[in-house]
PDB file of N, CA and C in Angstrom:
ATOM      1  N   UNK A   1       1.524  95.451  13.398  1.00  0.00           N
ATOM      2  CA  UNK A   1       0.932  94.181  13.906  1.00  0.00           C
ATOM      3  C   UNK A   1       0.598  94.274  15.458  1.00  0.00           C
ATOM      4  N   UNK A   2      -0.570  93.692  15.699  1.00  0.00           N
ATOM      5  CA  UNK A   2      -0.983  93.762  17.116  1.00  0.00           C
ATOM      6  C   UNK A   2      -0.087  92.929  17.860  1.00  0.00           C
ATOM      7  N   UNK A   3       0.462  93.404  19.058  1.00  0.00           N
ATOM      8  CA  UNK A   3       1.335  92.549  19.990  1.00  0.00           C
ATOM      9  C   UNK A   3       0.508  91.520  20.633  1.00  0.00           C
ATOM     10  N   UNK A   4       0.661  90.297  20.255  1.00  0.00           N
ATOM     11  CA  UNK A   4      -0.153  89.195  20.806  1.00  0.00           C
ATOM     12  C   UNK A   4       0.845  88.165  21.528  1.00  0.00           C
ATOM     13  N   UNK A   5       0.281  87.453  22.411  1.00  0.00           N
ATOM     14  CA  UNK A   5       1.280  86.446  23.148  1.00  0.00           C
ATOM     15  C   UNK A   5       1.526  85.269  22.159  1.00  0.00           C
ATOM     16  N   UNK A   6       0.539  84.812  21.457  1.00  0.00           N
ATOM     17  CA  UNK A   6       0.725  83.671  20.488  1.00  0.00           C
ATOM     18  C   UNK A   6       0.539  84.144  19.048  1.00  0.00           C
ATOM     19  N   UNK A   7       1.346  83.724  18.142  1.00  0.00           N
ATOM     20  CA  UNK A   7       1.294  84.028  16.792  1.00  0.00           C
ATOM     21  C   UNK A   7       1.018  82.897  15.895  1.00  0.00           C
ATOM     22  N   UNK A   8       0.087  82.972  14.929  1.00  0.00           N
ATOM     23  CA  UNK A   8       0.035  81.900  13.914  1.00  0.00           C
ATOM     24  C   UNK A   8       1.241  81.953  12.994  1.00  0.00           C
ATOM     25  N   UNK A   9       1.447  80.933  12.154  1.00  0.00           N
ATOM     26  CA  UNK A   9       2.512  80.794  11.290  1.00  0.00           C
ATOM     27  C   UNK A   9       2.720  82.094  10.395  1.00  0.00           C
ATOM     28  N   UNK A  10       1.712  82.512   9.672  1.00  0.00           N
ATOM     29  CA  UNK A  10       1.835  83.705   8.769  1.00  0.00           C
ATOM     30  C   UNK A  10       2.196  84.867   9.607  1.00  0.00           C
ATOM     31  N   UNK A  11       1.599  85.071  10.944  1.00  0.00           N
ATOM     32  CA  UNK A  11       2.039  86.322  11.760  1.00  0.00           C
ATOM     33  C   UNK A  11       3.419  86.062  12.164  1.00  0.00           C
ATOM     34  N   UNK A  12       3.920  84.870  12.519  1.00  0.00           N
ATOM     35  CA  UNK A  12       5.356  84.612  12.821  1.00  0.00           C
ATOM     36  C   UNK A  12       6.201  85.000  11.823  1.00  0.00           C
ATOM     37  N   UNK A  13       6.050  84.665  10.541  1.00  0.00           N
ATOM     38  CA  UNK A  13       6.664  85.160   9.508  1.00  0.00           C
ATOM     39  C   UNK A  13       6.805  86.605   9.305  1.00  0.00           C
ATOM     40  N   UNK A  14       5.631  87.314   9.463  1.00  0.00           N
ATOM     41  CA  UNK A  14       5.624  88.683   9.429  1.00  0.00           C
ATOM     42  C   UNK A  14       6.387  89.239  10.509  1.00  0.00           C
ATOM     43  N   UNK A  15       6.323  88.770  11.763  1.00  0.00           N
ATOM     44  CA  UNK A  15       7.171  89.253  12.967  1.00  0.00           C
ATOM     45  C   UNK A  15       8.727  89.243  12.740  1.00  0.00           C
ATOM     46  N   UNK A  16       9.041  88.031  12.168  1.00  0.00           N
ATOM     47  CA  UNK A  16      10.517  87.855  11.909  1.00  0.00           C
ATOM     48  C   UNK A  16      10.876  88.865  10.881  1.00  0.00           C
ATOM     49  N   UNK A  17      10.250  89.045   9.809  1.00  0.00           N
ATOM     50  CA  UNK A  17      10.443  90.198   8.884  1.00  0.00           C
ATOM     51  C   UNK A  17      10.613  91.562   9.454  1.00  0.00           C
ATOM     52  N   UNK A  18       9.511  91.913  10.309  1.00  0.00           N
ATOM     53  CA  UNK A  18       9.453  93.281  10.849  1.00  0.00           C
ATOM     54  C   UNK A  18      10.470  93.507  11.941  1.00  0.00           C
ATOM     55  N   UNK A  19      10.631  92.499  12.817  1.00  0.00           N
ATOM     56  CA  UNK A  19      11.555  92.676  13.938  1.00  0.00           C
ATOM     57  C   UNK A  19      13.031  92.449  13.795  1.00  0.00           C
ATOM     58  N   UNK A  20      13.321  91.517  12.826  1.00  0.00           N
ATOM     59  CA  UNK A  20      14.613  91.054  12.734  1.00  0.00           C
ATOM     60  C   UNK A  20      15.151  90.971  11.198  1.00  0.00           C
ATOM     61  N   UNK A  21      14.281  91.583  10.273  1.00  0.00           N
ATOM     62  CA  UNK A  21      14.686  91.616   8.835  1.00  0.00           C
ATOM     63  C   UNK A  21      14.990  90.212   8.274  1.00  0.00           C
ATOM     64  N   UNK A  22      14.456  89.255   8.856  1.00  0.00           N
ATOM     65  CA  UNK A  22      14.698  87.802   8.356  1.00  0.00           C
ATOM     66  C   UNK A  22      13.469  87.385   7.534  1.00  0.00           C
ATOM     67  N   UNK A  23      13.686  87.259   6.090  1.00  0.00           N
ATOM     68  CA  UNK A  23      12.575  86.873   5.301  1.00  0.00           C
ATOM     69  C   UNK A  23      12.508  85.282   5.249  1.00  0.00           C
ATOM     70  N   UNK A  24      11.407  84.835   5.781  1.00  0.00           N
ATOM     71  CA  UNK A  24      11.144  83.468   5.890  1.00  0.00           C
ATOM     72  C   UNK A  24       9.561  83.147   5.684  1.00  0.00           C
ATOM     73  N   UNK A  25       9.377  82.487   4.575  1.00  0.00           N
ATOM     74  CA  UNK A  25       7.940  82.127   4.271  1.00  0.00           C
ATOM     75  C   UNK A  25       7.211  81.245   5.309  1.00  0.00           C
ATOM     76  N   UNK A  26       5.898  81.514   5.432  1.00  0.00           N
ATOM     77  CA  UNK A  26       5.157  80.597   6.450  1.00  0.00           C
ATOM     78  C   UNK A  26       5.331  79.093   5.997  1.00  0.00           C
ATOM     79  N   UNK A  27       5.515  78.818   4.673  1.00  0.00           N
ATOM     80  CA  UNK A  27       5.659  77.505   4.290  1.00  0.00           C
ATOM     81  C   UNK A  27       7.016  76.902   4.688  1.00  0.00           C
ATOM     82  N   UNK A  28       7.930  77.833   4.856  1.00  0.00           N
ATOM     83  CA  UNK A  28       9.257  77.382   5.199  1.00  0.00           C
ATOM     84  C   UNK A  28       9.068  77.033   6.830  1.00  0.00           C
ATOM     85  N   UNK A  29       8.371  77.810   7.531  1.00  0.00           N
ATOM     86  CA  UNK A  29       8.201  77.554   8.973  1.00  0.00           C
ATOM     87  C   UNK A  29       7.470  76.255   9.146  1.00  0.00           C
ATOM     88  N   UNK A  30       6.443  76.123   8.173  1.00  0.00           N
ATOM     89  CA  UNK A  30       5.796  74.726   8.197  1.00  0.00           C
ATOM     90  C   UNK A  30       6.768  73.523   7.982  1.00  0.00           C
ATOM     91  N   UNK A  31       7.597  73.666   7.064  1.00  0.00           N
ATOM     92  CA  UNK A  31       8.540  72.597   6.765  1.00  0.00           C
ATOM     93  C   UNK A  31       9.562  72.467   7.936  1.00  0.00           C
ATOM     94  N   UNK A  32      10.136  73.515   8.567  1.00  0.00           N
ATOM     95  CA  UNK A  32      10.753  73.479   9.827  1.00  0.00           C
ATOM     96  C   UNK A  32       9.979  72.729  10.928  1.00  0.00           C
ATOM     97  N   UNK A  33       8.847  72.872  10.920  1.00  0.00           N
ATOM     98  CA  UNK A  33       7.930  72.215  12.067  1.00  0.00           C
ATOM     99  C   UNK A  33       7.970  70.747  11.897  1.00  0.00           C
ATOM    100  N   UNK A  34       8.093  70.224  10.528  1.00  0.00           N
ATOM    101  CA  UNK A  34       8.074  68.840  10.222  1.00  0.00           C
ATOM    102  C   UNK A  34       9.484  68.230  10.483  1.00  0.00           C
ATOM    103  N   UNK A  35      10.516  68.936   9.836  1.00  0.00           N
ATOM    104  CA  UNK A  35      11.829  68.354   9.846  1.00  0.00           C
ATOM    105  C   UNK A  35      12.911  68.798  10.872  1.00  0.00           C
ATOM    106  N   UNK A  36      12.398  69.900  11.649  1.00  0.00           N
ATOM    107  CA  UNK A  36      13.138  70.524  12.732  1.00  0.00           C
ATOM    108  C   UNK A  36      14.056  71.592  12.294  1.00  0.00           C
ATOM    109  N   UNK A  37      14.620  72.386  13.108  1.00  0.00           N
ATOM    110  CA  UNK A  37      15.470  73.564  12.779  1.00  0.00           C
ATOM    111  C   UNK A  37      14.785  74.957  12.835  1.00  0.00           C
ATOM    112  N   UNK A  38      13.459  74.835  13.084  1.00  0.00           N
ATOM    113  CA  UNK A  38      12.766  76.109  13.230  1.00  0.00           C
ATOM    114  C   UNK A  38      12.565  76.546  14.663  1.00  0.00           C
ATOM    115  N   UNK A  39      11.889  77.627  14.737  1.00  0.00           N
ATOM    116  CA  UNK A  39      11.592  78.058  16.141  1.00  0.00           C
ATOM    117  C   UNK A  39      10.740  77.253  16.948  1.00  0.00           C
ATOM    118  N   UNK A  40      10.770  77.435  18.336  1.00  0.00           N
ATOM    119  CA  UNK A  40      10.070  76.547  19.170  1.00  0.00           C
ATOM    120  C   UNK A  40       8.502  76.841  18.962  1.00  0.00           C
ATOM    121  N   UNK A  41       7.707  75.931  18.917  1.00  0.00           N
ATOM    122  CA  UNK A  41       6.155  76.090  18.875  1.00  0.00           C
ATOM    123  C   UNK A  41       5.435  75.575  20.155  1.00  0.00           C
ATOM    124  N   UNK A  42       4.154  76.073  20.191  1.00  0.00           N
ATOM    125  CA  UNK A  42       3.466  75.447  21.188  1.00  0.00           C
ATOM    126  C   UNK A  42       2.075  75.233  20.505  1.00  0.00           C
ATOM    127  N   UNK A  43       1.260  74.418  20.959  1.00  0.00           N
ATOM    128  CA  UNK A  43      -0.057  73.991  20.240  1.00  0.00           C
ATOM    129  C   UNK A  43      -1.222  74.249  21.167  1.00  0.00           C
ATOM    130  N   UNK A  44      -2.311  74.603  20.498  1.00  0.00           N
ATOM    131  CA  UNK A  44      -3.473  74.743  21.084  1.00  0.00           C
ATOM    132  C   UNK A  44      -4.382  73.781  20.193  1.00  0.00           C
ATOM    133  N   UNK A  45      -4.698  72.621  20.621  1.00  0.00           N
ATOM    134  CA  UNK A  45      -5.406  71.647  19.682  1.00  0.00           C
ATOM    135  C   UNK A  45      -4.446  71.285  18.704  1.00  0.00           C
ATOM    136  N   UNK A  46      -4.970  71.419  17.398  1.00  0.00           N
ATOM    137  CA  UNK A  46      -4.088  71.047  16.278  1.00  0.00           C
ATOM    138  C   UNK A  46      -3.321  72.250  15.645  1.00  0.00           C
ATOM    139  N   UNK A  47      -3.561  73.352  16.281  1.00  0.00           N
ATOM    140  CA  UNK A  47      -2.956  74.749  15.658  1.00  0.00           C
ATOM    141  C   UNK A  47      -1.597  75.018  16.307  1.00  0.00           C
ATOM    142  N   UNK A  48      -0.540  75.142  15.512  1.00  0.00           N
ATOM    143  CA  UNK A  48       0.834  75.647  16.150  1.00  0.00           C
ATOM    144  C   UNK A  48       0.767  77.078  16.259  1.00  0.00           C
ATOM    145  N   UNK A  49       1.472  77.512  17.391  1.00  0.00           N
ATOM    146  CA  UNK A  49       1.559  78.974  17.645  1.00  0.00           C
ATOM    147  C   UNK A  49       3.059  79.205  17.988  1.00  0.00           C
ATOM    148  N   UNK A  50       3.383  80.470  17.796  1.00  0.00           N
ATOM    149  CA  UNK A  50       4.747  80.783  18.060  1.00  0.00           C
ATOM    150  C   UNK A  50       4.745  81.996  19.079  1.00  0.00           C
ATOM    151  N   UNK A  51       5.552  81.912  20.049  1.00  0.00           N
ATOM    152  CA  UNK A  51       5.666  82.995  21.008  1.00  0.00           C
ATOM    153  C   UNK A  51       6.726  84.055  20.567  1.00  0.00           C
ATOM    154  N   UNK A  52       6.570  85.219  20.563  1.00  0.00           N
ATOM    155  CA  UNK A  52       7.511  86.302  20.171  1.00  0.00           C
ATOM    156  C   UNK A  52       8.861  86.020  20.745  1.00  0.00           C
ATOM    157  N   UNK A  53       9.092  85.733  22.042  1.00  0.00           N
ATOM    158  CA  UNK A  53      10.236  85.611  22.830  1.00  0.00           C
ATOM    159  C   UNK A  53      11.026  84.256  22.080  1.00  0.00           C
ATOM    160  N   UNK A  54      10.334  83.254  21.723  1.00  0.00           N
ATOM    161  CA  UNK A  54      10.953  82.046  21.102  1.00  0.00           C
ATOM    162  C   UNK A  54      11.407  82.508  19.655  1.00  0.00           C
ATOM    163  N   UNK A  55      10.684  83.369  18.884  1.00  0.00           N
ATOM    164  CA  UNK A  55      11.015  83.802  17.627  1.00  0.00           C
ATOM    165  C   UNK A  55      12.283  84.628  17.736  1.00  0.00           C
ATOM    166  N   UNK A  56      12.337  85.518  18.824  1.00  0.00           N
ATOM    167  CA  UNK A  56      13.439  86.361  19.096  1.00  0.00           C
ATOM    168  C   UNK A  56      14.583  85.576  19.305  1.00  0.00           C
ATOM    169  N   UNK A  57      14.529  84.463  20.089  1.00  0.00           N
ATOM    170  CA  UNK A  57      15.701  83.661  20.453  1.00  0.00           C
ATOM    171  C   UNK A  57      16.143  82.893  19.090  1.00  0.00           C
ATOM    172  N   UNK A  58      15.299  82.459  18.305  1.00  0.00           N
ATOM    173  CA  UNK A  58      15.613  81.698  17.104  1.00  0.00           C
ATOM    174  C   UNK A  58      16.252  82.602  16.141  1.00  0.00           C
ATOM    175  N   UNK A  59      15.847  83.807  16.064  1.00  0.00           N
ATOM    176  CA  UNK A  59      16.478  84.767  14.999  1.00  0.00           C
ATOM    177  C   UNK A  59      17.919  85.096  15.528  1.00  0.00           C
ATOM    178  N   UNK A  60      17.973  85.378  16.892  1.00  0.00           N
ATOM    179  CA  UNK A  60      19.477  85.640  17.350  1.00  0.00           C
ATOM    180  C   UNK A  60      20.360  84.577  17.044  1.00  0.00           C
ATOM    181  N   UNK A  61      19.932  83.311  17.242  1.00  0.00           N
ATOM    182  CA  UNK A  61      20.764  82.241  17.043  1.00  0.00           C
ATOM    183  C   UNK A  61      21.146  82.042  15.423  1.00  0.00           C
ATOM    184  N   UNK A  62      20.344  82.662  14.542  1.00  0.00           N
ATOM    185  CA  UNK A  62      20.582  82.493  13.089  1.00  0.00           C
ATOM    186  C   UNK A  62      21.467  83.648  12.515  1.00  0.00           C
ATOM    187  N   UNK A  63      21.571  84.721  13.196  1.00  0.00           N
ATOM    188  CA  UNK A  63      22.281  85.851  12.726  1.00  0.00           C
ATOM    189  C   UNK A  63      23.808  85.630  13.279  1.00  0.00           C
ATOM    190  N   UNK A  64      24.635  85.822  12.363  1.00  0.00           N
ATOM    191  CA  UNK A  64      26.090  85.731  12.678  1.00  0.00           C
ATOM    192  C   UNK A  64      26.586  87.024  13.257  1.00  0.00           C
ATOM    193  N   UNK A  65      27.773  86.852  13.959  1.00  0.00           N
ATOM    194  CA  UNK A  65      28.373  88.153  14.529  1.00  0.00           C
ATOM    195  C   UNK A  65      28.977  88.945  13.282  1.00  0.00           C
ATOM    196  N   UNK A  66      29.207  90.152  13.443  1.00  0.00           N
ATOM    197  CA  UNK A  66      29.655  91.009  12.289  1.00  0.00           C
ATOM    198  C   UNK A  66      30.986  90.401  11.745  1.00  0.00           C
ATOM    199  N   UNK A  67      31.225  90.415  10.450  1.00  0.00           N
ATOM    200  CA  UNK A  67      32.457  90.055   9.817  1.00  0.00           C
ATOM    201  C   UNK A  67      32.655  90.805   8.571  1.00  0.00           C
ATOM    202  N   UNK A  68      33.921  90.865   8.092  1.00  0.00           N
ATOM    203  CA  UNK A  68      34.385  91.591   6.936  1.00  0.00           C
ATOM    204  C   UNK A  68      34.453  90.858   5.766  1.00  0.00           C
ATOM    205  N   UNK A  69      34.398  89.585   5.854  1.00  0.00           N
ATOM    206  CA  UNK A  69      34.645  88.830   4.592  1.00  0.00           C
ATOM    207  C   UNK A  69      33.987  87.454   4.781  1.00  0.00           C
ATOM    208  N   UNK A  70      33.786  86.729   3.595  1.00  0.00           N
ATOM    209  CA  UNK A  70      33.387  85.307   3.740  1.00  0.00           C
ATOM    210  C   UNK A  70      34.243  84.436   4.488  1.00  0.00           C
ATOM    211  N   UNK A  71      35.600  84.612   4.268  1.00  0.00           N
ATOM    212  CA  UNK A  71      36.453  83.738   4.923  1.00  0.00           C
ATOM    213  C   UNK A  71      36.481  83.975   6.487  1.00  0.00           C
ATOM    214  N   UNK A  72      36.305  85.287   6.892  1.00  0.00           N
ATOM    215  CA  UNK A  72      36.100  85.491   8.333  1.00  0.00           C
ATOM    216  C   UNK A  72      34.853  84.948   8.835  1.00  0.00           C
ATOM    217  N   UNK A  73      33.798  84.823   8.106  1.00  0.00           N
ATOM    218  CA  UNK A  73      32.587  84.196   8.440  1.00  0.00           C
ATOM    219  C   UNK A  73      32.795  82.708   8.615  1.00  0.00           C
ATOM    220  N   UNK A  74      33.558  82.080   7.669  1.00  0.00           N
ATOM    221  CA  UNK A  74      33.864  80.653   7.864  1.00  0.00           C
ATOM    222  C   UNK A  74      34.817  80.395   9.020  1.00  0.00           C
ATOM    223  N   UNK A  75      35.601  81.108   9.289  1.00  0.00           N
ATOM    224  CA  UNK A  75      36.455  81.089  10.594  1.00  0.00           C
ATOM    225  C   UNK A  75      35.726  81.129  11.769  1.00  0.00           C
ATOM    226  N   UNK A  76      34.764  82.150  11.826  1.00  0.00           N
ATOM    227  CA  UNK A  76      33.852  82.245  13.011  1.00  0.00           C
ATOM    228  C   UNK A  76      32.975  81.021  13.183  1.00  0.00           C
ATOM    229  N   UNK A  77      32.444  80.413  12.093  1.00  0.00           N
ATOM    230  CA  UNK A  77      31.716  79.235  12.112  1.00  0.00           C
ATOM    231  C   UNK A  77      32.336  78.141  12.679  1.00  0.00           C
ATOM    232  N   UNK A  78      33.625  77.991  12.237  1.00  0.00           N
ATOM    233  CA  UNK A  78      34.473  76.878  12.625  1.00  0.00           C
ATOM    234  C   UNK A  78      34.764  76.787  14.040  1.00  0.00           C
ATOM    235  N   UNK A  79      34.850  78.010  14.640  1.00  0.00           N
ATOM    236  CA  UNK A  79      35.143  78.249  16.153  1.00  0.00           C
ATOM    237  C   UNK A  79      33.929  78.200  16.904  1.00  0.00           C
ATOM    238  N   UNK A  80      32.759  78.265  16.210  1.00  0.00           N
ATOM    239  CA  UNK A  80      31.425  78.201  17.036  1.00  0.00           C
ATOM    240  C   UNK A  80      31.138  79.534  17.564  1.00  0.00           C
ATOM    241  N   UNK A  81      31.674  80.595  17.106  1.00  0.00           N
ATOM    242  CA  UNK A  81      31.288  81.958  17.511  1.00  0.00           C
ATOM    243  C   UNK A  81      30.118  82.442  16.914  1.00  0.00           C
TER     244      UNK A  81
END
């Protein structure tokens, strides 16, 4: 993918898959744009764009620390780690 400053939704989906191994459909990004919970967007007219740095930050926030079991993951989540 060509490194651009602003990415359209389909490109943002590809970026997350290629750089962070996060599989997320462009339709899911569209849903998050409506209900919240997705990466930060900027607009040019009516078109939403995503900055790679914002996608990187969102991906880091979604990925848990390493854990050895589901119970360890729950414990980490409960402590906010």
